[in-house]
Amino acid sequence: MSDAKSAAAGSGVPDLPTTSWAVLGMLSHAEELSGYDLKKWADWSLQFFYWSPSFSQIYAELKRLEKHGYATSRTVLQDDGVRGKRMYAITASGRAAAAQWVNHAPVEAPVLKHSVMLRAWLGHLAEPDRLREILTEHIGYAERMRKLAEVDAEGADENPDWAYPGAVLRWCVRHYEAERDFARELLADVDKLAREQPKRSPKGKGRRAS
């Protein structure tokens, strides 16, 4: 049995996927949230460091959380009195389970899957202009994410209840700032390698057999 499953079994908390805990954690920040609200919250904060789920993923996790008694839902009629909106709330046992997971579940090391790095690592196969284009686009992406995280961090500062998400968003600002700067340095290295490439002898042709 894995450490995660052993810890879950010992605490009586089911071994749920991390996405379940993320959705449950979002519910812990408010009295009630709709699936649409949760999607907005994920796009506002979680997308910068974990995942940006689809609506179908969110509703699948909400269904799982209700099954375990960690969340409840009710239908609220909208202004037209006809259409209903389903609102979800965390239960006391759900809050306790989320706290158990945060404090006692094993913390997995982040896994970096960086397609831009992989392209650069295989730069000897890349067309130089295309590799520069990939890196330039990534620099632009990192800068856009940095600006978005900065705006959201400033918004979080306006609400004392969002102190911890705000602190993480400020970390995200620094993360994307560093990502942008590292990509710029890599682009400079790629340009230097391209300039030096003609001076290098093709592999296996540096010497002639005597």
Protein backbone atom coordinates (compact mmCIF):
# COMPACT_ATOMS: atom_id res chain seq x y z
CA MET A 1 0.00 0.00 0.00
CA SER A 2 1.34 3.46 -0.92
CA ASP A 3 2.09 6.11 1.71
CA ALA A 4 -0.87 8.16 0.49
CA LYS A 5 -3.28 5.23 0.73
CA SER A 6 -1.87 4.17 4.10
CA ALA A 7 -2.37 7.68 5.47
CA ALA A 8 -5.90 7.83 4.08
CA ALA A 9 -6.80 4.42 5.48
CA GLY A 10 -5.42 5.28 8.91
CA SER A 11 -7.40 8.51 9.11
CA GLY A 12 -10.66 7.16 7.73
CA VAL A 13 -10.40 9.65 4.85
CA PRO A 14 -10.93 8.12 1.38
CA ASP A 15 -8.07 8.19 -1.12
CA LEU A 16 -9.49 10.83 -3.45
CA PRO A 17 -7.62 12.35 -6.40
CA THR A 18 -5.97 15.70 -5.81
CA THR A 19 -8.50 17.41 -8.05
CA SER A 20 -11.24 16.40 -5.59
CA TRP A 21 -9.38 18.08 -2.76
CA ALA A 22 -8.82 21.17 -4.90
CA VAL A 23 -12.56 21.50 -5.59
CA LEU A 24 -13.40 20.82 -1.93
CA GLY A 25 -10.81 23.41 -0.94
CA MET A 26 -12.44 26.01 -3.16
CA LEU A 27 -15.76 25.30 -1.46
CA SER A 28 -14.11 25.94 1.90
CA HIS A 29 -13.59 29.60 0.93
CA ALA A 30 -17.30 30.42 0.64
CA GLU A 31 -20.72 29.57 2.03
CA GLU A 32 -22.03 28.36 -1.33
CA LEU A 33 -20.69 28.21 -4.87
CA SER A 34 -22.15 27.10 -8.18
CA GLY A 35 -20.25 25.05 -10.74
CA TYR A 36 -19.86 28.27 -12.74
CA ASP A 37 -18.43 30.03 -9.66
CA LEU A 38 -15.94 27.19 -9.14
CA LYS A 39 -14.82 27.42 -12.76
CA LYS A 40 -14.26 31.17 -12.36
CA TRP A 41 -12.33 30.61 -9.13
CA ALA A 42 -10.15 27.98 -10.79
CA ASP A 43 -9.41 30.29 -13.70
CA TRP A 44 -8.76 33.14 -11.27
CA SER A 45 -6.23 31.30 -9.12
CA LEU A 46 -5.63 27.56 -9.59
CA GLN A 47 -4.68 27.83 -13.26
CA PHE A 48 -1.43 29.56 -12.36
CA PHE A 49 0.00 26.64 -10.42
CA TYR A 50 -2.13 23.51 -10.65
CA TRP A 51 -4.82 22.99 -13.28
CA SER A 52 -7.66 24.67 -15.12
CA PRO A 53 -10.54 22.18 -15.15
CA SER A 54 -13.41 21.91 -17.58
CA PHE A 55 -16.97 22.22 -16.34
CA SER A 56 -17.40 18.47 -16.77
CA GLN A 57 -14.41 17.82 -14.48
CA ILE A 58 -15.76 20.18 -11.85
CA TYR A 59 -19.21 18.58 -11.85
CA ALA A 60 -17.72 15.08 -11.75
CA GLU A 61 -15.72 16.02 -8.65
CA LEU A 62 -18.74 17.66 -7.02
CA LYS A 63 -20.72 14.47 -7.57
CA ARG A 64 -17.89 12.46 -5.98
CA LEU A 65 -17.73 14.84 -2.99
CA GLU A 66 -21.49 14.62 -2.45
CA LYS A 67 -21.27 10.82 -2.55
CA HIS A 68 -18.76 10.92 0.33
CA GLY A 69 -20.84 13.44 2.29
CA TYR A 70 -18.24 16.17 1.94
CA ALA A 71 -20.52 18.55 0.05
CA THR A 72 -24.25 19.23 -0.22
CA SER A 73 -26.21 20.92 -2.98
CA ARG A 74 -29.52 22.66 -3.47
CA THR A 75 -31.33 24.21 -6.41
CA VAL A 76 -31.92 27.95 -6.29
CA LEU A 77 -34.43 29.49 -8.67
CA GLN A 78 -33.09 32.39 -10.70
CA ASP A 79 -34.80 35.74 -11.24
CA ASP A 80 -37.15 34.37 -13.90
CA GLY A 81 -38.54 31.88 -11.37
CA VAL A 82 -38.17 29.05 -13.87
CA ARG A 83 -34.52 28.25 -14.35
CA GLY A 84 -32.66 26.72 -11.43
CA LYS A 85 -29.04 27.05 -10.41
CA ARG A 86 -27.39 24.33 -8.32
CA MET A 87 -25.39 25.65 -5.40
CA TYR A 88 -22.81 23.58 -3.50
CA ALA A 89 -21.55 23.91 0.06
CA ILE A 90 -18.89 22.13 2.06
CA THR A 91 -20.06 20.06 5.04
CA ALA A 92 -18.44 19.87 8.47
CA SER A 93 -17.05 16.42 7.62
CA GLY A 94 -15.83 17.79 4.30
CA ARG A 95 -13.96 20.61 6.01
CA ALA A 96 -12.43 18.13 8.47
CA ALA A 97 -11.39 15.80 5.63
CA ALA A 98 -9.85 18.68 3.67
CA ALA A 99 -7.91 19.76 6.76
CA GLN A 100 -6.76 16.17 7.26
CA TRP A 101 -5.53 16.04 3.64
CA VAL A 102 -3.75 19.40 3.84
CA ASN A 103 -1.99 18.57 7.09
CA HIS A 104 -1.27 14.84 6.87
CA ALA A 105 -1.42 13.48 3.31
CA PRO A 106 2.04 12.95 1.73
CA VAL A 107 3.13 15.89 -0.41
CA GLU A 108 4.11 14.76 -3.89
CA ALA A 109 7.07 16.46 -5.53
CA PRO A 110 6.03 18.62 -8.51
CA VAL A 111 6.64 16.99 -11.89
CA LEU A 112 7.92 19.34 -14.57
CA LYS A 113 6.64 18.51 -18.08
CA HIS A 114 7.95 21.39 -20.14
CA SER A 115 7.40 21.01 -23.89
CA VAL A 116 9.43 24.14 -24.67
CA MET A 117 12.43 22.78 -22.78
CA LEU A 118 12.05 19.48 -24.62
CA ARG A 119 12.13 21.27 -27.99
CA ALA A 120 15.25 23.18 -26.95
CA TRP A 121 16.87 20.00 -25.63
CA LEU A 122 16.39 18.58 -29.11
CA GLY A 123 17.64 21.80 -30.65
CA HIS A 124 20.18 19.96 -32.82
CA LEU A 125 17.18 18.69 -34.80
CA ALA A 126 15.32 22.00 -34.88
CA GLU A 127 15.30 24.64 -37.56
CA PRO A 128 17.02 27.65 -35.90
CA ASP A 129 14.31 30.15 -36.83
CA ARG A 130 11.56 27.82 -35.59
CA LEU A 131 13.32 27.26 -32.27
CA ARG A 132 13.69 31.02 -31.81
CA GLU A 133 10.00 31.40 -32.59
CA ILE A 134 9.04 28.79 -30.00
CA LEU A 135 11.14 30.49 -27.33
CA THR A 136 9.89 33.96 -28.24
CA GLU A 137 6.27 32.79 -28.02
CA HIS A 138 6.98 31.22 -24.64
CA ILE A 139 8.51 34.45 -23.35
CA GLY A 140 5.31 36.25 -24.36
CA TYR A 141 3.17 33.58 -22.68
CA ALA A 142 5.13 33.81 -19.42
CA GLU A 143 4.82 37.58 -19.39
CA ARG A 144 1.05 37.41 -20.00
CA MET A 145 0.66 34.92 -17.15
CA ARG A 146 2.80 37.10 -14.88
CA LYS A 147 0.55 40.10 -15.54
CA LEU A 148 -2.63 38.09 -14.98
CA ALA A 149 -1.31 36.65 -11.70
CA GLU A 150 -0.31 40.14 -10.60
CA VAL A 151 -3.80 41.52 -11.25
CA ASP A 152 -5.42 38.60 -9.41
CA ALA A 153 -3.01 38.94 -6.49
CA GLU A 154 -3.94 42.60 -6.15
CA GLY A 155 -7.62 41.62 -6.23
CA ALA A 156 -7.08 39.03 -3.51
CA ASP A 157 -5.49 41.67 -1.29
CA GLU A 158 -8.84 43.45 -1.16
CA ASN A 159 -10.45 40.58 0.76
CA PRO A 160 -8.91 39.42 4.09
CA ASP A 161 -10.48 35.96 3.57
CA TRP A 162 -8.22 35.45 0.53
CA ALA A 163 -4.94 36.04 2.36
CA TYR A 164 -3.50 32.61 1.57
CA PRO A 165 -4.60 32.52 -2.09
CA GLY A 166 -3.16 36.02 -2.39
CA ALA A 167 0.19 34.89 -1.00
CA VAL A 168 0.29 31.98 -3.48
CA LEU A 169 -0.64 34.30 -6.34
CA ARG A 170 2.31 36.53 -5.46
CA TRP A 171 4.50 33.40 -5.64
CA CYS A 172 3.00 32.77 -9.09
CA VAL A 173 3.95 36.29 -10.17
CA ARG A 174 7.57 35.59 -9.23
CA HIS A 175 7.42 32.14 -10.87
CA TYR A 176 6.31 33.46 -14.25
CA GLU A 177 8.74 36.35 -14.00
CA ALA A 178 11.58 33.85 -13.52
CA GLU A 179 10.19 31.64 -16.32
CA ARG A 180 10.25 34.62 -18.66
CA ASP A 181 13.80 35.56 -17.71
CA PHE A 182 15.09 31.96 -17.97
CA ALA A 183 13.55 31.66 -21.44
CA ARG A 184 15.27 34.88 -22.48
CA GLU A 185 18.59 33.48 -21.30
CA LEU A 186 17.95 30.24 -23.18
CA LEU A 187 17.13 32.21 -26.33
CA ALA A 188 20.46 34.02 -25.99
CA ASP A 189 22.22 30.65 -25.60
CA VAL A 190 20.44 29.31 -28.69
CA ASP A 191 21.52 32.35 -30.73
CA LYS A 192 25.11 31.88 -29.55
CA LEU A 193 25.06 28.19 -30.48
CA ALA A 194 23.67 29.05 -33.92
CA ARG A 195 26.52 31.51 -34.53
CA GLU A 196 29.11 28.95 -33.46
CA GLN A 197 27.57 26.02 -35.34
CA PRO A 198 29.45 26.50 -38.67
CA LYS A 199 32.78 26.38 -36.81
CA ARG A 200 32.05 22.90 -35.49
CA SER A 201 33.04 19.82 -37.40
CA PRO A 202 30.25 17.35 -38.19
CA LYS A 203 30.23 14.43 -35.79
CA GLY A 204 32.52 11.63 -36.89
CA LYS A 205 34.28 13.76 -39.55
CA GLY A 206 36.81 15.59 -37.44
CA ARG A 207 39.69 13.28 -38.46
CA ARG A 208 40.65 11.08 -41.31
CA ALA A 209 41.95 7.65 -40.73
CA SER A 210 45.65 7.47 -41.55
